[in-house]
Amino acid sequence: MSWSALNADLYEQIRRYAELTDRALIDLRSEGDEPRHADLESLGKLLTELETLRRQDLSARLVWVVLRDSARMTPQEIAGLGASLMRVERKPAVVIATEKLAQALAREQAIVKSRMR
């Protein structure tokens, strides 16, 4: 596999996680009568299972590294955020942590995109 193909795959994986995170943020901020919870639950499940998944799945490993290194989140913070998202908690701390995740993914996306050029 060439470097450009590897970077393209990494970019696509990060993009998918970033889109899920963005949709989850929209759901968190939604005050409508029937907010969609599927994205919150999907992201929450991913984050709560990330500790185990990262040992088996390359894309989960990538998210783990982004959270650990770029967002500077501990394993406990990652699992806690996941649990809060699955419970659809709209507390300010949950929104801030999810925004932190979104920003870290956006930074990683920019880094990989610059390597693709």
N, C-alpha and C. Protein backbone atom coordinates (compact mmCIF):
# COMPACT_ATOMS: atom_id res chain seq x y z
N MET A 1 0.85 -1.17 0.00
CA MET A 1 0.00 0.00 0.00
C MET A 1 0.90 1.24 0.00
N SER A 2 0.55 2.20 -0.81
CA SER A 2 1.35 3.42 -0.90
C SER A 2 1.00 4.37 0.24
N TRP A 3 1.87 5.33 0.49
CA TRP A 3 1.62 6.33 1.53
C TRP A 3 0.37 7.14 1.24
N SER A 4 0.17 7.45 -0.03
CA SER A 4 -1.01 8.25 -0.37
C SER A 4 -2.29 7.46 -0.11
N ALA A 5 -2.29 6.17 -0.40
CA ALA A 5 -3.46 5.34 -0.13
C ALA A 5 -3.69 5.19 1.37
N LEU A 6 -2.61 5.02 2.12
CA LEU A 6 -2.72 4.91 3.57
C LEU A 6 -3.30 6.20 4.16
N ASN A 7 -2.77 7.34 3.73
CA ASN A 7 -3.29 8.62 4.21
C ASN A 7 -4.74 8.83 3.81
N ALA A 8 -5.10 8.42 2.61
CA ALA A 8 -6.49 8.55 2.16
C ALA A 8 -7.42 7.71 3.04
N ASP A 9 -7.00 6.50 3.38
CA ASP A 9 -7.81 5.65 4.26
C ASP A 9 -7.92 6.25 5.66
N LEU A 10 -6.81 6.76 6.19
CA LEU A 10 -6.84 7.40 7.50
C LEU A 10 -7.77 8.61 7.50
N TYR A 11 -7.68 9.40 6.44
CA TYR A 11 -8.53 10.58 6.33
C TYR A 11 -10.00 10.18 6.33
N GLU A 12 -10.33 9.15 5.58
CA GLU A 12 -11.72 8.69 5.50
C GLU A 12 -12.22 8.20 6.86
N GLN A 13 -11.40 7.47 7.59
CA GLN A 13 -11.80 6.99 8.91
C GLN A 13 -12.02 8.15 9.87
N ILE A 14 -11.10 9.09 9.87
CA ILE A 14 -11.23 10.25 10.75
C ILE A 14 -12.48 11.05 10.37
N ARG A 15 -12.72 11.20 9.08
CA ARG A 15 -13.89 11.94 8.61
C ARG A 15 -15.18 11.30 9.13
N ARG A 16 -15.26 9.97 9.07
CA ARG A 16 -16.46 9.28 9.55
C ARG A 16 -16.69 9.52 11.04
N TYR A 17 -15.62 9.42 11.83
CA TYR A 17 -15.74 9.67 13.26
C TYR A 17 -16.07 11.13 13.54
N ALA A 18 -15.49 12.04 12.77
CA ALA A 18 -15.77 13.47 12.95
C ALA A 18 -17.23 13.78 12.63
N GLU A 19 -17.76 13.18 11.58
CA GLU A 19 -19.17 13.40 11.23
C GLU A 19 -20.09 12.86 12.32
N LEU A 20 -19.79 11.68 12.84
CA LEU A 20 -20.59 11.11 13.92
C LEU A 20 -20.54 12.03 15.15
N THR A 21 -19.36 12.52 15.46
CA THR A 21 -19.21 13.43 16.60
C THR A 21 -19.99 14.71 16.39
N ASP A 22 -19.93 15.26 15.17
CA ASP A 22 -20.69 16.48 14.87
C ASP A 22 -22.19 16.26 15.01
N ARG A 23 -22.67 15.13 14.50
CA ARG A 23 -24.11 14.84 14.62
C ARG A 23 -24.50 14.65 16.09
N ALA A 24 -23.61 14.02 16.87
CA ALA A 24 -23.88 13.85 18.30
C ALA A 24 -23.94 15.21 19.00
N LEU A 25 -23.07 16.13 18.62
CA LEU A 25 -23.10 17.47 19.20
C LEU A 25 -24.40 18.19 18.87
N ILE A 26 -24.85 18.03 17.65
CA ILE A 26 -26.14 18.64 17.26
C ILE A 26 -27.25 18.06 18.12
N ASP A 27 -27.24 16.74 18.32
CA ASP A 27 -28.25 16.11 19.17
C ASP A 27 -28.16 16.61 20.61
N LEU A 28 -26.94 16.77 21.12
CA LEU A 28 -26.77 17.26 22.49
C LEU A 28 -27.35 18.65 22.67
N ARG A 29 -27.17 19.46 21.66
CA ARG A 29 -27.63 20.85 21.74
C ARG A 29 -29.10 21.01 21.36
N SER A 30 -29.70 19.97 20.81
CA SER A 30 -31.09 20.03 20.38
C SER A 30 -32.02 20.11 21.58
N GLU A 31 -32.95 21.02 21.50
CA GLU A 31 -33.93 21.16 22.57
C GLU A 31 -35.33 20.84 22.09
N GLY A 32 -35.43 20.20 20.92
CA GLY A 32 -36.72 19.85 20.36
C GLY A 32 -37.41 18.77 21.17
N ASP A 33 -38.65 18.53 20.82
CA ASP A 33 -39.44 17.53 21.54
C ASP A 33 -38.93 16.10 21.31
N GLU A 34 -38.45 15.83 20.10
CA GLU A 34 -38.02 14.48 19.78
C GLU A 34 -36.62 14.47 19.18
N PRO A 35 -35.61 14.74 19.99
CA PRO A 35 -34.26 14.69 19.45
C PRO A 35 -33.87 13.25 19.08
N ARG A 36 -33.07 13.12 18.06
CA ARG A 36 -32.59 11.79 17.67
C ARG A 36 -31.47 11.39 18.63
N HIS A 37 -31.51 10.19 19.11
CA HIS A 37 -30.50 9.74 20.05
C HIS A 37 -29.57 8.70 19.44
N ALA A 38 -29.81 8.28 18.22
CA ALA A 38 -29.01 7.22 17.62
C ALA A 38 -27.53 7.61 17.52
N ASP A 39 -27.25 8.85 17.13
CA ASP A 39 -25.86 9.27 17.01
C ASP A 39 -25.18 9.37 18.37
N LEU A 40 -25.92 9.85 19.37
CA LEU A 40 -25.36 9.91 20.73
C LEU A 40 -25.04 8.50 21.23
N GLU A 41 -25.96 7.59 21.00
CA GLU A 41 -25.75 6.22 21.45
C GLU A 41 -24.62 5.54 20.69
N SER A 42 -24.51 5.79 19.39
CA SER A 42 -23.44 5.20 18.59
C SER A 42 -22.07 5.69 19.05
N LEU A 43 -21.96 7.01 19.23
CA LEU A 43 -20.69 7.57 19.68
C LEU A 43 -20.39 7.12 21.11
N GLY A 44 -21.41 7.11 21.95
CA GLY A 44 -21.22 6.66 23.33
C GLY A 44 -20.75 5.22 23.40
N LYS A 45 -21.36 4.37 22.60
CA LYS A 45 -20.96 2.95 22.57
C LYS A 45 -19.52 2.81 22.09
N LEU A 46 -19.18 3.54 21.04
CA LEU A 46 -17.80 3.50 20.53
C LEU A 46 -16.82 3.90 21.63
N LEU A 47 -17.11 4.98 22.33
CA LEU A 47 -16.18 5.46 23.35
C LEU A 47 -16.09 4.53 24.56
N THR A 48 -17.21 3.94 24.96
CA THR A 48 -17.16 3.02 26.10
C THR A 48 -16.44 1.72 25.76
N GLU A 49 -16.49 1.32 24.50
CA GLU A 49 -15.83 0.07 24.09
C GLU A 49 -14.44 0.30 23.50
N LEU A 50 -14.01 1.53 23.44
CA LEU A 50 -12.76 1.87 22.76
C LEU A 50 -11.55 1.20 23.39
N GLU A 51 -11.52 1.07 24.69
CA GLU A 51 -10.39 0.43 25.37
C GLU A 51 -10.18 -0.99 24.85
N THR A 52 -11.26 -1.72 24.65
CA THR A 52 -11.17 -3.09 24.14
C THR A 52 -10.99 -3.10 22.62
N LEU A 53 -11.76 -2.27 21.93
CA LEU A 53 -11.72 -2.26 20.46
C LEU A 53 -10.36 -1.87 19.91
N ARG A 54 -9.66 -1.00 20.61
CA ARG A 54 -8.38 -0.50 20.08
C ARG A 54 -7.34 -1.59 19.93
N ARG A 55 -7.53 -2.68 20.61
CA ARG A 55 -6.58 -3.80 20.51
C ARG A 55 -6.86 -4.67 19.29
N GLN A 56 -8.05 -4.51 18.69
CA GLN A 56 -8.45 -5.36 17.58
C GLN A 56 -8.67 -4.61 16.27
N ASP A 57 -9.01 -3.33 16.36
CA ASP A 57 -9.45 -2.58 15.19
C ASP A 57 -8.56 -1.36 14.99
N LEU A 58 -8.01 -1.24 13.79
CA LEU A 58 -7.09 -0.15 13.49
C LEU A 58 -7.78 1.22 13.59
N SER A 59 -9.01 1.33 13.11
CA SER A 59 -9.69 2.63 13.17
C SER A 59 -9.98 3.01 14.62
N ALA A 60 -10.31 2.04 15.46
CA ALA A 60 -10.53 2.33 16.88
C ALA A 60 -9.21 2.75 17.54
N ARG A 61 -8.13 2.14 17.11
CA ARG A 61 -6.80 2.52 17.63
C ARG A 61 -6.50 3.96 17.26
N LEU A 62 -6.85 4.35 16.06
CA LEU A 62 -6.64 5.71 15.59
C LEU A 62 -7.40 6.70 16.47
N VAL A 63 -8.66 6.43 16.76
CA VAL A 63 -9.45 7.31 17.61
C VAL A 63 -8.85 7.36 19.01
N TRP A 64 -8.40 6.22 19.50
CA TRP A 64 -7.78 6.17 20.83
C TRP A 64 -6.56 7.09 20.88
N VAL A 65 -5.73 7.04 19.87
CA VAL A 65 -4.53 7.87 19.83
C VAL A 65 -4.90 9.35 19.76
N VAL A 66 -5.89 9.68 18.95
CA VAL A 66 -6.35 11.07 18.84
C VAL A 66 -6.84 11.57 20.19
N LEU A 67 -7.65 10.78 20.87
CA LEU A 67 -8.18 11.18 22.17
C LEU A 67 -7.08 11.30 23.21
N ARG A 68 -6.18 10.35 23.22
CA ARG A 68 -5.12 10.35 24.22
C ARG A 68 -4.12 11.47 23.98
N ASP A 69 -3.65 11.60 22.74
CA ASP A 69 -2.58 12.54 22.46
C ASP A 69 -3.06 13.95 22.14
N SER A 70 -4.04 14.06 21.29
CA SER A 70 -4.49 15.38 20.84
C SER A 70 -5.49 16.01 21.81
N ALA A 71 -6.45 15.24 22.26
CA ALA A 71 -7.45 15.77 23.19
C ALA A 71 -7.01 15.63 24.64
N ARG A 72 -5.95 14.89 24.88
CA ARG A 72 -5.40 14.66 26.22
C ARG A 72 -6.45 14.15 27.20
N MET A 73 -7.16 13.12 26.76
CA MET A 73 -8.19 12.50 27.60
C MET A 73 -7.64 11.19 28.17
N THR A 74 -7.94 10.93 29.43
CA THR A 74 -7.54 9.68 30.06
C THR A 74 -8.54 8.58 29.68
N PRO A 75 -8.16 7.33 29.85
CA PRO A 75 -9.12 6.24 29.57
C PRO A 75 -10.41 6.38 30.37
N GLN A 76 -10.32 6.87 31.61
CA GLN A 76 -11.51 7.05 32.43
C GLN A 76 -12.39 8.16 31.86
N GLU A 77 -11.79 9.24 31.38
CA GLU A 77 -12.57 10.33 30.79
C GLU A 77 -13.27 9.87 29.51
N ILE A 78 -12.57 9.08 28.72
CA ILE A 78 -13.14 8.57 27.47
C ILE A 78 -14.35 7.69 27.77
N ALA A 79 -14.17 6.74 28.69
CA ALA A 79 -15.27 5.84 29.04
C ALA A 79 -16.41 6.61 29.71
N GLY A 80 -16.08 7.58 30.54
CA GLY A 80 -17.11 8.39 31.20
C GLY A 80 -17.93 9.20 30.21
N LEU A 81 -17.25 9.78 29.22
CA LEU A 81 -17.96 10.53 28.18
C LEU A 81 -18.87 9.60 27.40
N GLY A 82 -18.37 8.42 27.08
CA GLY A 82 -19.19 7.44 26.36
C GLY A 82 -20.45 7.08 27.14
N ALA A 83 -20.29 6.83 28.43
CA ALA A 83 -21.44 6.48 29.26
C ALA A 83 -22.44 7.63 29.33
N SER A 84 -21.93 8.85 29.46
CA SER A 84 -22.82 10.02 29.51
C SER A 84 -23.59 10.20 28.21
N LEU A 85 -22.91 9.96 27.09
CA LEU A 85 -23.58 10.08 25.79
C LEU A 85 -24.66 9.02 25.63
N MET A 86 -24.38 7.82 26.10
CA MET A 86 -25.37 6.75 25.99
C MET A 86 -26.60 7.04 26.86
N ARG A 87 -26.39 7.76 27.96
CA ARG A 87 -27.52 8.14 28.83
C ARG A 87 -28.17 9.44 28.36
N VAL A 88 -27.65 10.01 27.29
CA VAL A 88 -28.15 11.26 26.70
C VAL A 88 -28.18 12.37 27.75
N GLU A 89 -27.07 12.51 28.44
CA GLU A 89 -26.92 13.60 29.40
C GLU A 89 -26.52 14.87 28.65
N ARG A 90 -27.25 15.91 28.89
CA ARG A 90 -26.99 17.18 28.20
C ARG A 90 -26.31 18.19 29.12
N LYS A 91 -25.50 17.71 30.02
CA LYS A 91 -24.78 18.57 30.95
C LYS A 91 -23.70 19.35 30.19
N PRO A 92 -23.39 20.54 30.67
CA PRO A 92 -22.33 21.33 30.01
C PRO A 92 -21.00 20.59 29.90
N ALA A 93 -20.64 19.81 30.91
CA ALA A 93 -19.37 19.08 30.87
C ALA A 93 -19.35 18.05 29.73
N VAL A 94 -20.48 17.44 29.46
CA VAL A 94 -20.58 16.46 28.38
C VAL A 94 -20.45 17.16 27.03
N VAL A 95 -21.11 18.30 26.89
CA VAL A 95 -21.02 19.06 25.65
C VAL A 95 -19.59 19.53 25.42
N ILE A 96 -18.93 20.03 26.47
CA ILE A 96 -17.55 20.51 26.35
C ILE A 96 -16.61 19.37 25.97
N ALA A 97 -16.76 18.22 26.59
CA ALA A 97 -15.90 17.07 26.27
C ALA A 97 -16.13 16.59 24.84
N THR A 98 -17.37 16.62 24.38
CA THR A 98 -17.68 16.21 23.01
C THR A 98 -17.12 17.23 22.02
N GLU A 99 -17.18 18.50 22.36
CA GLU A 99 -16.57 19.53 21.53
C GLU A 99 -15.05 19.34 21.46
N LYS A 100 -14.45 18.98 22.57
CA LYS A 100 -13.01 18.70 22.62
C LYS A 100 -12.66 17.56 21.67
N LEU A 101 -13.47 16.53 21.67
CA LEU A 101 -13.29 15.42 20.75
C LEU A 101 -13.41 15.87 19.31
N ALA A 102 -14.44 16.67 19.01
CA ALA A 102 -14.65 17.16 17.65
C ALA A 102 -13.47 18.00 17.18
N GLN A 103 -12.95 18.85 18.05
CA GLN A 103 -11.81 19.69 17.69
C GLN A 103 -10.56 18.85 17.45
N ALA A 104 -10.34 17.83 18.27
CA ALA A 104 -9.18 16.96 18.09
C ALA A 104 -9.27 16.20 16.76
N LEU A 105 -10.46 15.71 16.43
CA LEU A 105 -10.64 15.01 15.16
C LEU A 105 -10.44 15.96 13.98
N ALA A 106 -10.90 17.19 14.11
CA ALA A 106 -10.72 18.18 13.04
C ALA A 106 -9.23 18.47 12.83
N ARG A 107 -8.48 18.59 13.93
CA ARG A 107 -7.03 18.82 13.81
C ARG A 107 -6.35 17.64 13.11
N GLU A 108 -6.70 16.43 13.51
CA GLU A 108 -6.10 15.24 12.89
C GLU A 108 -6.47 15.15 11.42
N GLN A 109 -7.69 15.51 11.10
CA GLN A 109 -8.14 15.49 9.71
C GLN A 109 -7.29 16.47 8.88
N ALA A 110 -7.02 17.64 9.41
CA ALA A 110 -6.20 18.64 8.72
C ALA A 110 -4.76 18.14 8.54
N ILE A 111 -4.23 17.48 9.55
CA ILE A 111 -2.86 16.97 9.48
C ILE A 111 -2.75 15.91 8.38
N VAL A 112 -3.68 14.99 8.37
CA VAL A 112 -3.65 13.91 7.37
C VAL A 112 -3.86 14.50 5.97
N LYS A 113 -4.76 15.45 5.87
CA LYS A 113 -5.02 16.08 4.55
C LYS A 113 -3.77 16.78 4.05
N SER A 114 -3.03 17.43 4.92
CA SER A 114 -1.81 18.10 4.49
C SER A 114 -0.75 17.10 4.04
N ARG A 115 -0.73 15.92 4.65
CA ARG A 115 0.21 14.88 4.21
C ARG A 115 -0.17 14.30 2.87
N MET A 116 -1.46 14.39 2.52
CA MET A 116 -1.93 13.85 1.25
C MET A 116 -1.50 14.72 0.08
N ARG A 117 -1.20 15.98 0.34
CA ARG A 117 -0.84 16.90 -0.74
C ARG A 117 0.55 16.71 -1.22
